[in-house]
PDB file of N, CA and C in Angstrom:
ATOM      1  N   MET A   1     117.011 110.801 146.384  1.00  0.00           N
ATOM      2  CA  MET A   1     117.290 110.032 145.098  1.00  0.00           C
ATOM      3  C   MET A   1     115.861 109.804 144.495  1.00  0.00           C
ATOM      4  N   VAL A   2     115.889 109.895 143.142  1.00  0.00           N
ATOM      5  CA  VAL A   2     114.430 109.555 142.541  1.00  0.00           C
ATOM      6  C   VAL A   2     114.636 108.244 141.760  1.00  0.00           C
ATOM      7  N   ASN A   3     113.503 107.292 142.198  1.00  0.00           N
ATOM      8  CA  ASN A   3     113.426 105.873 141.589  1.00  0.00           C
ATOM      9  C   ASN A   3     112.735 106.115 140.246  1.00  0.00           C
ATOM     10  N   ARG A   4     113.581 105.646 139.243  1.00  0.00           N
ATOM     11  CA  ARG A   4     112.867 105.750 137.943  1.00  0.00           C
ATOM     12  C   ARG A   4     112.119 104.325 137.911  1.00  0.00           C
ATOM     13  N   ILE A   5     110.939 104.550 137.146  1.00  0.00           N
ATOM     14  CA  ILE A   5     110.040 103.351 136.755  1.00  0.00           C
ATOM     15  C   ILE A   5     110.220 103.116 135.338  1.00  0.00           C
ATOM     16  N   VAL A   6     110.709 102.096 134.913  1.00  0.00           N
ATOM     17  CA  VAL A   6     110.861 101.740 133.398  1.00  0.00           C
ATOM     18  C   VAL A   6     109.555 101.308 132.943  1.00  0.00           C
ATOM     19  N   SER A   7     108.749 101.745 132.102  1.00  0.00           N
ATOM     20  CA  SER A   7     107.772 101.241 131.588  1.00  0.00           C
ATOM     21  C   SER A   7     107.785 101.239 129.996  1.00  0.00           C
ATOM     22  N   GLY A   8     107.834 100.012 129.428  1.00  0.00           N
ATOM     23  CA  GLY A   8     107.840 100.065 127.933  1.00  0.00           C
ATOM     24  C   GLY A   8     109.138  99.417 127.611  1.00  0.00           C
ATOM     25  N   ALA A   9     109.530  99.435 126.231  1.00  0.00           N
ATOM     26  CA  ALA A   9     110.791  98.718 126.089  1.00  0.00           C
ATOM     27  C   ALA A   9     111.742  99.691 125.287  1.00  0.00           C
ATOM     28  N   HIS A  10     111.369 100.961 125.381  1.00  0.00           N
ATOM     29  CA  HIS A  10     112.125 102.118 124.630  1.00  0.00           C
ATOM     30  C   HIS A  10     112.613 101.836 123.394  1.00  0.00           C
ATOM     31  N   TYR A  11     111.649 101.476 122.463  1.00  0.00           N
ATOM     32  CA  TYR A  11     111.644 101.523 121.045  1.00  0.00           C
ATOM     33  C   TYR A  11     112.091 102.828 120.461  1.00  0.00           C
ATOM     34  N   GLY A  12     111.428 103.857 120.845  1.00  0.00           N
ATOM     35  CA  GLY A  12     111.843 105.256 120.479  1.00  0.00           C
ATOM     36  C   GLY A  12     111.895 105.500 119.158  1.00  0.00           C
ATOM     37  N   LEU A  13     113.031 105.543 118.602  1.00  0.00           N
ATOM     38  CA  LEU A  13     113.459 106.031 117.272  1.00  0.00           C
ATOM     39  C   LEU A  13     113.002 105.046 116.412  1.00  0.00           C
ATOM     40  N   ARG A  14     113.153 103.817 116.524  1.00  0.00           N
ATOM     41  CA  ARG A  14     112.606 102.770 115.585  1.00  0.00           C
ATOM     42  C   ARG A  14     111.321 102.901 115.241  1.00  0.00           C
ATOM     43  N   ASP A  15     110.492 102.961 116.387  1.00  0.00           N
ATOM     44  CA  ASP A  15     109.035 103.055 116.250  1.00  0.00           C
ATOM     45  C   ASP A  15     108.757 104.188 115.501  1.00  0.00           C
ATOM     46  N   TRP A  16     109.298 105.459 115.938  1.00  0.00           N
ATOM     47  CA  TRP A  16     108.814 106.655 115.109  1.00  0.00           C
ATOM     48  C   TRP A  16     109.301 106.617 113.554  1.00  0.00           C
ATOM     49  N   LEU A  17     110.357 106.059 113.286  1.00  0.00           N
ATOM     50  CA  LEU A  17     110.789 105.758 111.823  1.00  0.00           C
ATOM     51  C   LEU A  17     109.812 104.673 111.298  1.00  0.00           C
ATOM     52  N   ILE A  18     109.327 103.717 111.872  1.00  0.00           N
ATOM     53  CA  ILE A  18     108.572 102.712 111.179  1.00  0.00           C
ATOM     54  C   ILE A  18     107.256 103.394 110.880  1.00  0.00           C
ATOM     55  N   GLN A  19     106.600 104.328 111.693  1.00  0.00           N
ATOM     56  CA  GLN A  19     105.312 104.850 111.751  1.00  0.00           C
ATOM     57  C   GLN A  19     105.549 105.924 110.463  1.00  0.00           C
ATOM     58  N   ARG A  20     106.651 106.479 110.355  1.00  0.00           N
ATOM     59  CA  ARG A  20     106.723 107.609 109.147  1.00  0.00           C
ATOM     60  C   ARG A  20     106.815 106.798 107.803  1.00  0.00           C
ATOM     61  N   VAL A  21     107.658 105.769 107.777  1.00  0.00           N
ATOM     62  CA  VAL A  21     107.987 105.138 106.623  1.00  0.00           C
ATOM     63  C   VAL A  21     106.558 104.521 106.098  1.00  0.00           C
ATOM     64  N   THR A  22     105.952 103.719 106.974  1.00  0.00           N
ATOM     65  CA  THR A  22     104.609 103.034 106.645  1.00  0.00           C
ATOM     66  C   THR A  22     103.712 104.028 106.268  1.00  0.00           C
ATOM     67  N   ALA A  23     103.570 105.259 106.841  1.00  0.00           N
ATOM     68  CA  ALA A  23     102.722 106.273 106.470  1.00  0.00           C
ATOM     69  C   ALA A  23     102.997 106.848 105.049  1.00  0.00           C
ATOM     70  N   VAL A  24     104.407 107.054 104.719  1.00  0.00           N
ATOM     71  CA  VAL A  24     104.665 107.370 103.300  1.00  0.00           C
ATOM     72  C   VAL A  24     104.201 106.425 102.440  1.00  0.00           C
ATOM     73  N   VAL A  25     104.371 105.156 102.626  1.00  0.00           N
ATOM     74  CA  VAL A  25     103.887 104.108 101.650  1.00  0.00           C
ATOM     75  C   VAL A  25     102.581 104.107 101.511  1.00  0.00           C
ATOM     76  N   MET A  26     101.648 104.049 102.768  1.00  0.00           N
ATOM     77  CA  MET A  26     100.375 104.213 102.537  1.00  0.00           C
ATOM     78  C   MET A  26      99.709 105.626 101.642  1.00  0.00           C
ATOM     79  N   ALA A  27     100.374 106.745 101.888  1.00  0.00           N
ATOM     80  CA  ALA A  27     100.022 107.975 101.372  1.00  0.00           C
ATOM     81  C   ALA A  27     100.416 107.889  99.715  1.00  0.00           C
ATOM     82  N   LEU A  28     101.489 107.136  99.427  1.00  0.00           N
ATOM     83  CA  LEU A  28     101.633 106.899  97.912  1.00  0.00           C
ATOM     84  C   LEU A  28     100.679 106.037  97.234  1.00  0.00           C
ATOM     85  N   TYR A  29     100.442 105.071  97.922  1.00  0.00           N
ATOM     86  CA  TYR A  29      99.544 104.237  97.378  1.00  0.00           C
ATOM     87  C   TYR A  29      98.011 104.759  97.166  1.00  0.00           C
ATOM     88  N   THR A  30      97.812 105.560  98.271  1.00  0.00           N
ATOM     89  CA  THR A  30      96.369 106.523  98.017  1.00  0.00           C
ATOM     90  C   THR A  30      96.409 107.240  96.930  1.00  0.00           C
ATOM     91  N   LEU A  31      97.646 107.960  96.615  1.00  0.00           N
ATOM     92  CA  LEU A  31      97.770 108.923  95.518  1.00  0.00           C
ATOM     93  C   LEU A  31      97.639 108.095  94.357  1.00  0.00           C
ATOM     94  N   PHE A  32      98.144 107.020  94.331  1.00  0.00           N
ATOM     95  CA  PHE A  32      98.187 106.032  93.075  1.00  0.00           C
ATOM     96  C   PHE A  32      96.640 105.712  92.788  1.00  0.00           C
ATOM     97  N   LEU A  33      95.908 105.359  93.920  1.00  0.00           N
ATOM     98  CA  LEU A  33      94.759 105.200  93.442  1.00  0.00           C
ATOM     99  C   LEU A  33      93.691 106.123  93.068  1.00  0.00           C
ATOM    100  N   ILE A  34      94.033 107.216  93.636  1.00  0.00           N
ATOM    101  CA  ILE A  34      93.187 108.530  93.456  1.00  0.00           C
ATOM    102  C   ILE A  34      93.589 108.803  92.025  1.00  0.00           C
ATOM    103  N   SER A  35      94.959 108.907  91.673  1.00  0.00           N
ATOM    104  CA  SER A  35      95.149 109.173  90.023  1.00  0.00           C
ATOM    105  C   SER A  35      94.458 107.988  89.246  1.00  0.00           C
ATOM    106  N   PHE A  36      94.612 106.854  89.686  1.00  0.00           N
ATOM    107  CA  PHE A  36      93.853 105.870  88.577  1.00  0.00           C
ATOM    108  C   PHE A  36      92.366 106.197  88.513  1.00  0.00           C
ATOM    109  N   PHE A  37      91.572 106.502  89.611  1.00  0.00           N
ATOM    110  CA  PHE A  37      90.296 107.006  89.548  1.00  0.00           C
ATOM    111  C   PHE A  37      89.959 108.203  88.614  1.00  0.00           C
ATOM    112  N   LEU A  38      90.961 109.187  88.546  1.00  0.00           N
ATOM    113  CA  LEU A  38      90.662 110.311  88.094  1.00  0.00           C
ATOM    114  C   LEU A  38      91.018 110.123  86.584  1.00  0.00           C
ATOM    115  N   THR A  39      91.818 109.257  86.283  1.00  0.00           N
ATOM    116  CA  THR A  39      92.363 109.063  84.654  1.00  0.00           C
ATOM    117  C   THR A  39      91.675 107.973  84.174  1.00  0.00           C
ATOM    118  N   GLN A  40      91.176 106.842  84.738  1.00  0.00           N
ATOM    119  CA  GLN A  40      90.566 105.833  84.044  1.00  0.00           C
ATOM    120  C   GLN A  40      89.036 105.800  84.171  1.00  0.00           C
ATOM    121  N   SER A  41      88.452 104.730  83.444  1.00  0.00           N
ATOM    122  CA  SER A  41      86.964 104.667  83.482  1.00  0.00           C
ATOM    123  C   SER A  41      86.845 103.895  84.657  1.00  0.00           C
ATOM    124  N   HIS A  42      85.340 104.137  85.226  1.00  0.00           N
ATOM    125  CA  HIS A  42      85.069 103.651  86.406  1.00  0.00           C
ATOM    126  C   HIS A  42      84.314 102.308  86.212  1.00  0.00           C
ATOM    127  N   THR A  43      84.883 101.421  85.619  1.00  0.00           N
ATOM    128  CA  THR A  43      84.290 100.029  85.197  1.00  0.00           C
ATOM    129  C   THR A  43      84.924  98.903  86.042  1.00  0.00           C
ATOM    130  N   PHE A  44      84.036  97.731  86.137  1.00  0.00           N
ATOM    131  CA  PHE A  44      84.668  96.619  86.873  1.00  0.00           C
ATOM    132  C   PHE A  44      85.913  96.272  86.028  1.00  0.00           C
ATOM    133  N   GLU A  45      85.910  96.258  84.667  1.00  0.00           N
ATOM    134  CA  GLU A  45      86.850  95.773  83.819  1.00  0.00           C
ATOM    135  C   GLU A  45      88.180  96.402  83.915  1.00  0.00           C
ATOM    136  N   ALA A  46      87.954  97.806  84.228  1.00  0.00           N
ATOM    137  CA  ALA A  46      89.157  98.704  84.382  1.00  0.00           C
ATOM    138  C   ALA A  46      89.925  98.371  85.773  1.00  0.00           C
ATOM    139  N   TRP A  47      88.924  98.150  86.742  1.00  0.00           N
ATOM    140  CA  TRP A  47      89.347  97.820  88.179  1.00  0.00           C
ATOM    141  C   TRP A  47      90.008  96.517  88.217  1.00  0.00           C
ATOM    142  N   GLN A  48      89.395  95.661  87.504  1.00  0.00           N
ATOM    143  CA  GLN A  48      90.032  94.248  87.522  1.00  0.00           C
ATOM    144  C   GLN A  48      91.304  94.071  86.478  1.00  0.00           C
ATOM    145  N   GLY A  49      91.410  95.100  85.649  1.00  0.00           N
ATOM    146  CA  GLY A  49      92.696  95.136  84.669  1.00  0.00           C
ATOM    147  C   GLY A  49      93.687  95.676  85.480  1.00  0.00           C
ATOM    148  N   LEU A  50      93.378  96.497  86.447  1.00  0.00           N
ATOM    149  CA  LEU A  50      94.447  97.172  87.171  1.00  0.00           C
ATOM    150  C   LEU A  50      94.988  96.291  88.194  1.00  0.00           C
ATOM    151  N   PHE A  51      94.277  95.290  88.738  1.00  0.00           N
ATOM    152  CA  PHE A  51      94.877  94.362  89.724  1.00  0.00           C
ATOM    153  C   PHE A  51      95.365  93.000  89.132  1.00  0.00           C
ATOM    154  N   GLN A  52      95.272  92.921  87.667  1.00  0.00           N
ATOM    155  CA  GLN A  52      95.709  91.757  86.917  1.00  0.00           C
ATOM    156  C   GLN A  52      97.380  92.133  86.956  1.00  0.00           C
ATOM    157  N   SER A  53      97.819  93.370  87.098  1.00  0.00           N
ATOM    158  CA  SER A  53      99.232  93.494  86.969  1.00  0.00           C
ATOM    159  C   SER A  53      99.986  93.218  88.440  1.00  0.00           C
ATOM    160  N   LEU A  54     101.036  92.537  88.094  1.00  0.00           N
ATOM    161  CA  LEU A  54     102.037  92.034  89.351  1.00  0.00           C
ATOM    162  C   LEU A  54     102.482  93.241  90.081  1.00  0.00           C
ATOM    163  N   PRO A  55     102.996  94.383  89.457  1.00  0.00           N
ATOM    164  CA  PRO A  55     103.460  95.443  90.167  1.00  0.00           C
ATOM    165  C   PRO A  55     102.359  96.153  91.136  1.00  0.00           C
ATOM    166  N   VAL A  56     101.084  96.297  90.387  1.00  0.00           N
ATOM    167  CA  VAL A  56     100.049  96.732  91.260  1.00  0.00           C
ATOM    168  C   VAL A  56      99.547  95.676  92.348  1.00  0.00           C
ATOM    169  N   ARG A  57      99.820  94.506  92.295  1.00  0.00           N
ATOM    170  CA  ARG A  57      99.528  93.453  93.345  1.00  0.00           C
ATOM    171  C   ARG A  57     100.658  93.610  94.298  1.00  0.00           C
ATOM    172  N   LEU A  58     101.753  93.688  94.035  1.00  0.00           N
ATOM    173  CA  LEU A  58     102.905  93.841  94.935  1.00  0.00           C
ATOM    174  C   LEU A  58     102.824  95.248  95.624  1.00  0.00           C
ATOM    175  N   PHE A  59     102.452  96.089  95.063  1.00  0.00           N
ATOM    176  CA  PHE A  59     102.488  97.469  95.735  1.00  0.00           C
ATOM    177  C   PHE A  59     101.125  97.438  96.675  1.00  0.00           C
ATOM    178  N   SER A  60     100.145  96.843  96.369  1.00  0.00           N
ATOM    179  CA  SER A  60      98.933  96.833  97.223  1.00  0.00           C
ATOM    180  C   SER A  60      99.210  95.876  98.451  1.00  0.00           C
ATOM    181  N   LEU A  61     100.030  94.683  98.171  1.00  0.00           N
ATOM    182  CA  LEU A  61     100.546  93.966  99.369  1.00  0.00           C
ATOM    183  C   LEU A  61     101.485  94.768 100.293  1.00  0.00           C
ATOM    184  N   LEU A  62     102.492  95.639  99.677  1.00  0.00           N
ATOM    185  CA  LEU A  62     103.303  96.368 100.562  1.00  0.00           C
ATOM    186  C   LEU A  62     102.387  97.452 101.276  1.00  0.00           C
ATOM    187  N   PHE A  63     101.221  97.999 100.474  1.00  0.00           N
ATOM    188  CA  PHE A  63     100.304  98.740 101.274  1.00  0.00           C
ATOM    189  C   PHE A  63      99.743  98.210 102.442  1.00  0.00           C
ATOM    190  N   PHE A  64      99.232  96.779 102.310  1.00  0.00           N
ATOM    191  CA  PHE A  64      98.494  96.250 103.357  1.00  0.00           C
ATOM    192  C   PHE A  64      99.478  95.987 104.463  1.00  0.00           C
ATOM    193  N   PHE A  65     100.583  95.536 104.139  1.00  0.00           N
ATOM    194  CA  PHE A  65     101.589  95.034 105.255  1.00  0.00           C
ATOM    195  C   PHE A  65     102.092  96.344 105.871  1.00  0.00           C
ATOM    196  N   SER A  66     102.255  97.419 105.210  1.00  0.00           N
ATOM    197  CA  SER A  66     102.539  98.775 105.864  1.00  0.00           C
ATOM    198  C   SER A  66     101.435  99.109 106.783  1.00  0.00           C
ATOM    199  N   LEU A  67     100.296  98.941 106.478  1.00  0.00           N
ATOM    200  CA  LEU A  67      99.082  99.164 107.308  1.00  0.00           C
ATOM    201  C   LEU A  67      99.027  98.507 108.530  1.00  0.00           C
ATOM    202  N   PHE A  68      99.388  97.120 108.148  1.00  0.00           N
ATOM    203  CA  PHE A  68      99.358  96.263 109.635  1.00  0.00           C
ATOM    204  C   PHE A  68     100.386  96.440 110.443  1.00  0.00           C
ATOM    205  N   ILE A  69     101.631  96.801 109.864  1.00  0.00           N
ATOM    206  CA  ILE A  69     102.813  97.217 110.827  1.00  0.00           C
ATOM    207  C   ILE A  69     102.414  98.556 111.472  1.00  0.00           C
ATOM    208  N   HIS A  70     101.886  99.333 110.914  1.00  0.00           N
ATOM    209  CA  HIS A  70     101.582 100.780 111.341  1.00  0.00           C
ATOM    210  C   HIS A  70     100.599 100.616 112.466  1.00  0.00           C
ATOM    211  N   ALA A  71      99.472  99.799 112.178  1.00  0.00           N
ATOM    212  CA  ALA A  71      98.425  99.395 113.319  1.00  0.00           C
ATOM    213  C   ALA A  71      99.093  98.672 114.510  1.00  0.00           C
ATOM    214  N   TRP A  72      99.933  97.858 114.163  1.00  0.00           N
ATOM    215  CA  TRP A  72     100.524  97.147 115.403  1.00  0.00           C
ATOM    216  C   TRP A  72     101.423  98.024 116.313  1.00  0.00           C
ATOM    217  N   VAL A  73     102.235  98.928 115.731  1.00  0.00           N
ATOM    218  CA  VAL A  73     102.979  99.913 116.409  1.00  0.00           C
ATOM    219  C   VAL A  73     101.960 100.754 117.160  1.00  0.00           C
ATOM    220  N   GLY A  74     101.076 101.356 116.687  1.00  0.00           N
ATOM    221  CA  GLY A  74     100.188 102.260 117.299  1.00  0.00           C
ATOM    222  C   GLY A  74      99.364 101.599 118.449  1.00  0.00           C
ATOM    223  N   MET A  75      98.955 100.371 118.286  1.00  0.00           N
ATOM    224  CA  MET A  75      98.151  99.640 119.214  1.00  0.00           C
ATOM    225  C   MET A  75      99.234  99.202 120.281  1.00  0.00           C
ATOM    226  N   ARG A  76     100.277  98.642 119.946  1.00  0.00           N
ATOM    227  CA  ARG A  76     101.269  98.444 120.945  1.00  0.00           C
ATOM    228  C   ARG A  76     101.553  99.384 121.974  1.00  0.00           C
ATOM    229  N   ASP A  77     101.777 100.575 121.477  1.00  0.00           N
ATOM    230  CA  ASP A  77     102.062 101.998 122.152  1.00  0.00           C
ATOM    231  C   ASP A  77     100.905 102.173 123.043  1.00  0.00           C
ATOM    232  N   ILE A  78      99.720 102.176 122.519  1.00  0.00           N
ATOM    233  CA  ILE A  78      98.574 102.494 123.323  1.00  0.00           C
ATOM    234  C   ILE A  78      98.227 101.590 124.543  1.00  0.00           C
ATOM    235  N   PHE A  79      98.654 100.163 124.269  1.00  0.00           N
ATOM    236  CA  PHE A  79      98.463  99.281 125.265  1.00  0.00           C
ATOM    237  C   PHE A  79      99.459  99.421 126.275  1.00  0.00           C
ATOM    238  N   MET A  80     100.757  99.950 125.982  1.00  0.00           N
ATOM    239  CA  MET A  80     101.721 100.025 127.015  1.00  0.00           C
ATOM    240  C   MET A  80     101.511 101.330 127.775  1.00  0.00           C
ATOM    241  N   ASP A  81     100.903 102.250 127.176  1.00  0.00           N
ATOM    242  CA  ASP A  81     100.730 103.638 127.959  1.00  0.00           C
ATOM    243  C   ASP A  81      99.449 103.411 128.723  1.00  0.00           C
ATOM    244  N   TYR A  82      98.413 102.864 128.372  1.00  0.00           N
ATOM    245  CA  TYR A  82      97.236 102.854 129.092  1.00  0.00           C
ATOM    246  C   TYR A  82      96.704 101.465 129.614  1.00  0.00           C
ATOM    247  N   VAL A  83      97.242 100.423 129.356  1.00  0.00           N
ATOM    248  CA  VAL A  83      96.733  99.273 130.162  1.00  0.00           C
ATOM    249  C   VAL A  83      97.792  98.798 131.064  1.00  0.00           C
ATOM    250  N   HIS A  84      97.537  98.864 132.248  1.00  0.00           N
ATOM    251  CA  HIS A  84      98.543  98.647 133.163  1.00  0.00           C
ATOM    252  C   HIS A  84      98.644  97.121 133.612  1.00  0.00           C
ATOM    253  N   PRO A  85      97.634  96.505 133.771  1.00  0.00           N
ATOM    254  CA  PRO A  85      97.580  95.125 134.166  1.00  0.00           C
ATOM    255  C   PRO A  85      98.317  94.316 133.284  1.00  0.00           C
ATOM    256  N   THR A  86      99.448  93.547 133.505  1.00  0.00           N
ATOM    257  CA  THR A  86     100.385  92.780 132.570  1.00  0.00           C
ATOM    258  C   THR A  86      99.488  91.948 131.828  1.00  0.00           C
ATOM    259  N   VAL A  87      98.718  90.893 132.553  1.00  0.00           N
ATOM    260  CA  VAL A  87      97.903  89.967 131.957  1.00  0.00           C
ATOM    261  C   VAL A  87      97.050  90.589 130.927  1.00  0.00           C
ATOM    262  N   ILE A  88      96.384  91.485 131.192  1.00  0.00           N
ATOM    263  CA  ILE A  88      95.416  92.151 130.237  1.00  0.00           C
ATOM    264  C   ILE A  88      96.098  92.703 129.008  1.00  0.00           C
ATOM    265  N   ARG A  89      97.221  93.433 129.262  1.00  0.00           N
ATOM    266  CA  ARG A  89      98.147  93.927 128.378  1.00  0.00           C
ATOM    267  C   ARG A  89      98.726  92.928 127.316  1.00  0.00           C
ATOM    268  N   LEU A  90      99.143  91.656 127.685  1.00  0.00           N
ATOM    269  CA  LEU A  90      99.635  90.608 127.024  1.00  0.00           C
ATOM    270  C   LEU A  90      98.461  89.950 126.236  1.00  0.00           C
ATOM    271  N   ALA A  91      97.293  89.776 126.909  1.00  0.00           N
ATOM    272  CA  ALA A  91      96.223  89.263 125.994  1.00  0.00           C
ATOM    273  C   ALA A  91      95.744  90.000 124.876  1.00  0.00           C
ATOM    274  N   LEU A  92      95.676  91.400 125.211  1.00  0.00           N
ATOM    275  CA  LEU A  92      95.509  92.387 124.090  1.00  0.00           C
ATOM    276  C   LEU A  92      96.593  92.316 122.935  1.00  0.00           C
ATOM    277  N   HIS A  93      97.710  92.284 123.372  1.00  0.00           N
ATOM    278  CA  HIS A  93      98.867  92.110 122.289  1.00  0.00           C
ATOM    279  C   HIS A  93      98.676  91.008 121.476  1.00  0.00           C
ATOM    280  N   VAL A  94      98.276  89.611 122.101  1.00  0.00           N
ATOM    281  CA  VAL A  94      98.261  88.505 121.352  1.00  0.00           C
ATOM    282  C   VAL A  94      97.112  88.630 120.646  1.00  0.00           C
ATOM    283  N   ALA A  95      95.900  89.205 121.026  1.00  0.00           N
ATOM    284  CA  ALA A  95      94.719  89.423 120.083  1.00  0.00           C
ATOM    285  C   ALA A  95      94.993  90.064 118.939  1.00  0.00           C
ATOM    286  N   VAL A  96      95.519  91.240 119.103  1.00  0.00           N
ATOM    287  CA  VAL A  96      95.898  92.106 118.055  1.00  0.00           C
ATOM    288  C   VAL A  96      96.955  91.475 116.990  1.00  0.00           C
ATOM    289  N   ILE A  97      97.870  90.790 117.449  1.00  0.00           N
ATOM    290  CA  ILE A  97      98.957  90.052 116.556  1.00  0.00           C
ATOM    291  C   ILE A  97      98.135  88.964 115.932  1.00  0.00           C
ATOM    292  N   LEU A  98      97.290  88.267 116.461  1.00  0.00           N
ATOM    293  CA  LEU A  98      96.638  87.082 115.749  1.00  0.00           C
ATOM    294  C   LEU A  98      95.693  87.695 114.708  1.00  0.00           C
ATOM    295  N   ALA A  99      94.902  88.841 115.016  1.00  0.00           N
ATOM    296  CA  ALA A  99      93.955  89.585 113.996  1.00  0.00           C
ATOM    297  C   ALA A  99      94.827  89.944 112.974  1.00  0.00           C
ATOM    298  N   LEU A 100      95.902  90.598 113.074  1.00  0.00           N
ATOM    299  CA  LEU A 100      96.829  91.305 112.019  1.00  0.00           C
ATOM    300  C   LEU A 100      97.190  90.137 110.864  1.00  0.00           C
ATOM    301  N   ILE A 101      97.792  88.930 111.687  1.00  0.00           N
ATOM    302  CA  ILE A 101      98.174  87.932 110.801  1.00  0.00           C
ATOM    303  C   ILE A 101      97.037  87.418 109.983  1.00  0.00           C
ATOM    304  N   ALA A 102      95.774  87.241 110.580  1.00  0.00           N
ATOM    305  CA  ALA A 102      94.624  86.714 109.845  1.00  0.00           C
ATOM    306  C   ALA A 102      94.284  87.867 108.595  1.00  0.00           C
ATOM    307  N   TYR A 103      94.555  89.138 109.019  1.00  0.00           N
ATOM    308  CA  TYR A 103      94.081  90.105 107.900  1.00  0.00           C
ATOM    309  C   TYR A 103      95.153  89.924 106.893  1.00  0.00           C
ATOM    310  N   ALA A 104      96.447  89.854 107.410  1.00  0.00           N
ATOM    311  CA  ALA A 104      97.440  89.736 106.263  1.00  0.00           C
ATOM    312  C   ALA A 104      97.169  88.454 105.363  1.00  0.00           C
ATOM    313  N   ALA A 105      97.027  87.481 105.941  1.00  0.00           N
ATOM    314  CA  ALA A 105      96.704  86.340 105.199  1.00  0.00           C
ATOM    315  C   ALA A 105      95.517  86.464 104.248  1.00  0.00           C
ATOM    316  N   TRP A 106      94.563  87.318 104.538  1.00  0.00           N
ATOM    317  CA  TRP A 106      93.352  87.301 103.923  1.00  0.00           C
ATOM    318  C   TRP A 106      93.501  88.414 102.992  1.00  0.00           C
ATOM    319  N   ALA A 107      94.290  89.312 102.981  1.00  0.00           N
ATOM    320  CA  ALA A 107      94.854  90.342 102.008  1.00  0.00           C
ATOM    321  C   ALA A 107      95.632  89.534 100.855  1.00  0.00           C
ATOM    322  N   VAL A 108      96.473  88.696 101.243  1.00  0.00           N
ATOM    323  CA  VAL A 108      97.302  87.886 100.232  1.00  0.00           C
ATOM    324  C   VAL A 108      96.286  86.899  99.322  1.00  0.00           C
ATOM    325  N   GLN A 109      95.493  86.508  99.929  1.00  0.00           N
ATOM    326  CA  GLN A 109      94.241  85.656  99.206  1.00  0.00           C
ATOM    327  C   GLN A 109      93.451  86.571  98.246  1.00  0.00           C
ATOM    328  N   ILE A 110      92.949  87.515  98.735  1.00  0.00           N
ATOM    329  CA  ILE A 110      92.415  88.422  97.941  1.00  0.00           C
ATOM    330  C   ILE A 110      93.127  89.023  96.863  1.00  0.00           C
ATOM    331  N   LEU A 111      94.346  89.309  97.064  1.00  0.00           N
ATOM    332  CA  LEU A 111      95.033  89.852  95.889  1.00  0.00           C
ATOM    333  C   LEU A 111      95.537  88.868  94.889  1.00  0.00           C
ATOM    334  N   TRP A 112      95.686  87.687  95.246  1.00  0.00           N
ATOM    335  CA  TRP A 112      96.096  86.634  94.396  1.00  0.00           C
ATOM    336  C   TRP A 112      94.980  85.852  93.829  1.00  0.00           C
ATOM    337  N   SER A 113      93.671  85.986  94.152  1.00  0.00           N
ATOM    338  CA  SER A 113      92.469  85.315  93.727  1.00  0.00           C
ATOM    339  C   SER A 113      92.046  86.180  92.406  1.00  0.00           C
ATOM    340  N   VAL A 114      92.529  87.236  92.219  1.00  0.00           N
ATOM    341  CA  VAL A 114      91.902  88.294  91.142  1.00  0.00           C
ATOM    342  C   VAL A 114      92.420  87.569  89.834  1.00  0.00           C
TER     343      VAL A 114
END
């Protein structure tokens, strides 16, 4: 009889789907910015005018939240696969969560201070 060692929480399909959806959001935002740079003048006023628009701010916020969720899933999987001591893995999880929350708050502050 083979004893199976269960490691990880078996998120599987959900994590795969989250990674793909967030990657699509980030790709669409990147294409949007590239098209802006190719079609508009490269002045501070044009850049500032772009981010004065509420839809662009919301799309930017969606991009940043997608980036942070994408990063969290990736880092969590790396920690679960390669960091075996539970205490160290937990400490790394907490550090990444706190950093991503701080980055999210910073992104909101930046986007709504324009």
